Amino acid sequence: MQENSKKCLLRTENKSFFDLSIYEYIGCIGVLESDIKKLNLYNHWCKVSRASTMLCVTHDSGESDNLVYLYDWEKFSRIYINTGN
């Protein structure tokens, strides 16, 4: 396998809303669901994000997680900040 074709979860230097780290995985950019779980708004996010697509990722430790696409996370965050919902 070529080095560039390995699937690797990479944390970027950038942050998103609520100070969440932004990750890249096989060309997709987003935030980790495990990071969202640490926020008080997680239960609300679960209710309103049911139709959102997430990408299943594997950490180097072998633990599974979901990558929430950055567009969806930032759209949710803007609405939540502006309306509380």
C-alpha atoms as a PDB file:
ATOM      1  CA  MET A   1       0.000   0.000   0.000  1.00  0.00           C
ATOM      2  CA  GLN A   2       1.313   3.441  -0.847  1.00  0.00           C
ATOM      3  CA  GLU A   3       1.934   5.813   2.050  1.00  0.00           C
ATOM      4  CA  ASN A   4      -0.572   8.374   0.743  1.00  0.00           C
ATOM      5  CA  SER A   5      -3.397   5.850   0.540  1.00  0.00           C
ATOM      6  CA  LYS A   6      -3.464   4.946   4.251  1.00  0.00           C
ATOM      7  CA  LYS A   7      -6.600   5.919   6.119  1.00  0.00           C
ATOM      8  CA  CYS A   8      -5.443   8.157   8.934  1.00  0.00           C
ATOM      9  CA  LEU A   9      -7.411  10.461  11.221  1.00  0.00           C
ATOM     10  CA  LEU A  10      -5.505  13.750  11.371  1.00  0.00           C
ATOM     11  CA  ARG A  11      -6.199  16.614  13.749  1.00  0.00           C
ATOM     12  CA  THR A  12      -5.720  19.957  12.019  1.00  0.00           C
ATOM     13  CA  GLU A  13      -4.505  23.133  13.704  1.00  0.00           C
ATOM     14  CA  ASN A  14      -7.963  24.689  13.300  1.00  0.00           C
ATOM     15  CA  LYS A  15     -10.835  24.861  15.770  1.00  0.00           C
ATOM     16  CA  SER A  16     -14.574  25.107  15.230  1.00  0.00           C
ATOM     17  CA  PHE A  17     -17.414  26.367  17.397  1.00  0.00           C
ATOM     18  CA  PHE A  18     -17.221  25.560  21.113  1.00  0.00           C
ATOM     19  CA  ASP A  19     -13.450  25.116  20.735  1.00  0.00           C
ATOM     20  CA  LEU A  20     -13.745  21.689  19.080  1.00  0.00           C
ATOM     21  CA  SER A  21     -10.757  20.439  17.122  1.00  0.00           C
ATOM     22  CA  ILE A  22     -11.228  19.914  13.398  1.00  0.00           C
ATOM     23  CA  TYR A  23     -10.103  16.588  11.922  1.00  0.00           C
ATOM     24  CA  GLU A  24      -9.469  15.307   8.426  1.00  0.00           C
ATOM     25  CA  TYR A  25     -10.091  11.711   7.393  1.00  0.00           C
ATOM     26  CA  ILE A  26      -9.711  10.461   3.804  1.00  0.00           C
ATOM     27  CA  GLY A  27     -10.423  13.953   2.473  1.00  0.00           C
ATOM     28  CA  CYS A  28     -13.428  14.634   4.715  1.00  0.00           C
ATOM     29  CA  ILE A  29     -13.318  17.402   7.314  1.00  0.00           C
ATOM     30  CA  GLY A  30     -15.301  17.525  10.526  1.00  0.00           C
ATOM     31  CA  VAL A  31     -15.420  17.271  14.306  1.00  0.00           C
ATOM     32  CA  LEU A  32     -15.586  14.107  16.379  1.00  0.00           C
ATOM     33  CA  GLU A  33     -18.825  13.025  17.986  1.00  0.00           C
ATOM     34  CA  SER A  34     -16.830  12.027  21.074  1.00  0.00           C
ATOM     35  CA  ASP A  35     -15.838  15.703  21.444  1.00  0.00           C
ATOM     36  CA  ILE A  36     -19.450  16.861  21.030  1.00  0.00           C
ATOM     37  CA  LYS A  37     -20.471  14.413  23.789  1.00  0.00           C
ATOM     38  CA  LYS A  38     -18.409  16.461  26.236  1.00  0.00           C
ATOM     39  CA  LEU A  39     -20.625  19.512  25.663  1.00  0.00           C
ATOM     40  CA  ASN A  40     -23.820  20.279  27.604  1.00  0.00           C
ATOM     41  CA  LEU A  41     -25.697  20.627  24.304  1.00  0.00           C
ATOM     42  CA  TYR A  42     -25.009  17.029  23.197  1.00  0.00           C
ATOM     43  CA  ASN A  43     -28.541  15.712  23.893  1.00  0.00           C
ATOM     44  CA  HIS A  44     -30.064  18.586  21.935  1.00  0.00           C
ATOM     45  CA  TRP A  45     -27.604  18.023  19.100  1.00  0.00           C
ATOM     46  CA  CYS A  46     -28.640  14.343  18.975  1.00  0.00           C
ATOM     47  CA  LYS A  47     -32.304  15.303  18.587  1.00  0.00           C
ATOM     48  CA  VAL A  48     -31.801  17.800  15.785  1.00  0.00           C
ATOM     49  CA  SER A  49     -29.026  16.004  13.904  1.00  0.00           C
ATOM     50  CA  ARG A  50     -30.840  12.727  13.275  1.00  0.00           C
ATOM     51  CA  ALA A  51     -30.837  13.303   9.518  1.00  0.00           C
ATOM     52  CA  SER A  52     -27.172  14.312   9.370  1.00  0.00           C
ATOM     53  CA  THR A  53     -24.659  12.002   7.771  1.00  0.00           C
ATOM     54  CA  MET A  54     -21.563  11.047   9.753  1.00  0.00           C
ATOM     55  CA  LEU A  55     -18.480   9.112   8.732  1.00  0.00           C
ATOM     56  CA  CYS A  56     -17.342   6.210  10.890  1.00  0.00           C
ATOM     57  CA  VAL A  57     -13.644   6.620  11.708  1.00  0.00           C
ATOM     58  CA  THR A  58     -11.101   4.589  13.634  1.00  0.00           C
ATOM     59  CA  HIS A  59      -8.567   6.153  15.982  1.00  0.00           C
ATOM     60  CA  ASP A  60      -4.993   4.862  16.033  1.00  0.00           C
ATOM     61  CA  SER A  61      -5.955   3.065  19.268  1.00  0.00           C
ATOM     62  CA  GLY A  62      -8.549   1.055  17.325  1.00  0.00           C
ATOM     63  CA  GLU A  63     -11.476   2.852  18.974  1.00  0.00           C
ATOM     64  CA  SER A  64     -14.367   3.789  16.674  1.00  0.00           C
ATOM     65  CA  ASP A  65     -15.869   7.261  16.502  1.00  0.00           C
ATOM     66  CA  ASN A  66     -17.993   9.341  14.157  1.00  0.00           C
ATOM     67  CA  LEU A  67     -16.757  12.307  12.160  1.00  0.00           C
ATOM     68  CA  VAL A  68     -19.516  14.913  11.975  1.00  0.00           C
ATOM     69  CA  TYR A  69     -19.109  16.830   8.756  1.00  0.00           C
ATOM     70  CA  LEU A  70     -17.894  20.355   9.434  1.00  0.00           C
ATOM     71  CA  TYR A  71     -20.636  21.969   7.345  1.00  0.00           C
ATOM     72  CA  ASP A  72     -23.353  20.246   9.400  1.00  0.00           C
ATOM     73  CA  TRP A  73     -21.672  21.013  12.738  1.00  0.00           C
ATOM     74  CA  GLU A  74     -21.145  24.688  11.924  1.00  0.00           C
ATOM     75  CA  LYS A  75     -24.685  25.094  10.608  1.00  0.00           C
ATOM     76  CA  PHE A  76     -26.061  23.560  13.825  1.00  0.00           C
ATOM     77  CA  SER A  77     -23.750  25.737  15.938  1.00  0.00           C
ATOM     78  CA  ARG A  78     -24.806  28.988  14.264  1.00  0.00           C
ATOM     79  CA  ILE A  79     -28.487  28.179  14.733  1.00  0.00           C
ATOM     80  CA  TYR A  80     -27.928  27.115  18.344  1.00  0.00           C
ATOM     81  CA  ILE A  81     -25.977  30.267  19.198  1.00  0.00           C
ATOM     82  CA  ASN A  82     -28.503  32.571  17.503  1.00  0.00           C
ATOM     83  CA  THR A  83     -31.719  30.921  18.730  1.00  0.00           C
ATOM     84  CA  GLY A  84     -30.862  28.555  21.587  1.00  0.00           C
ATOM     85  CA  ASN A  85     -32.386  25.684  19.577  1.00  0.00           C
END
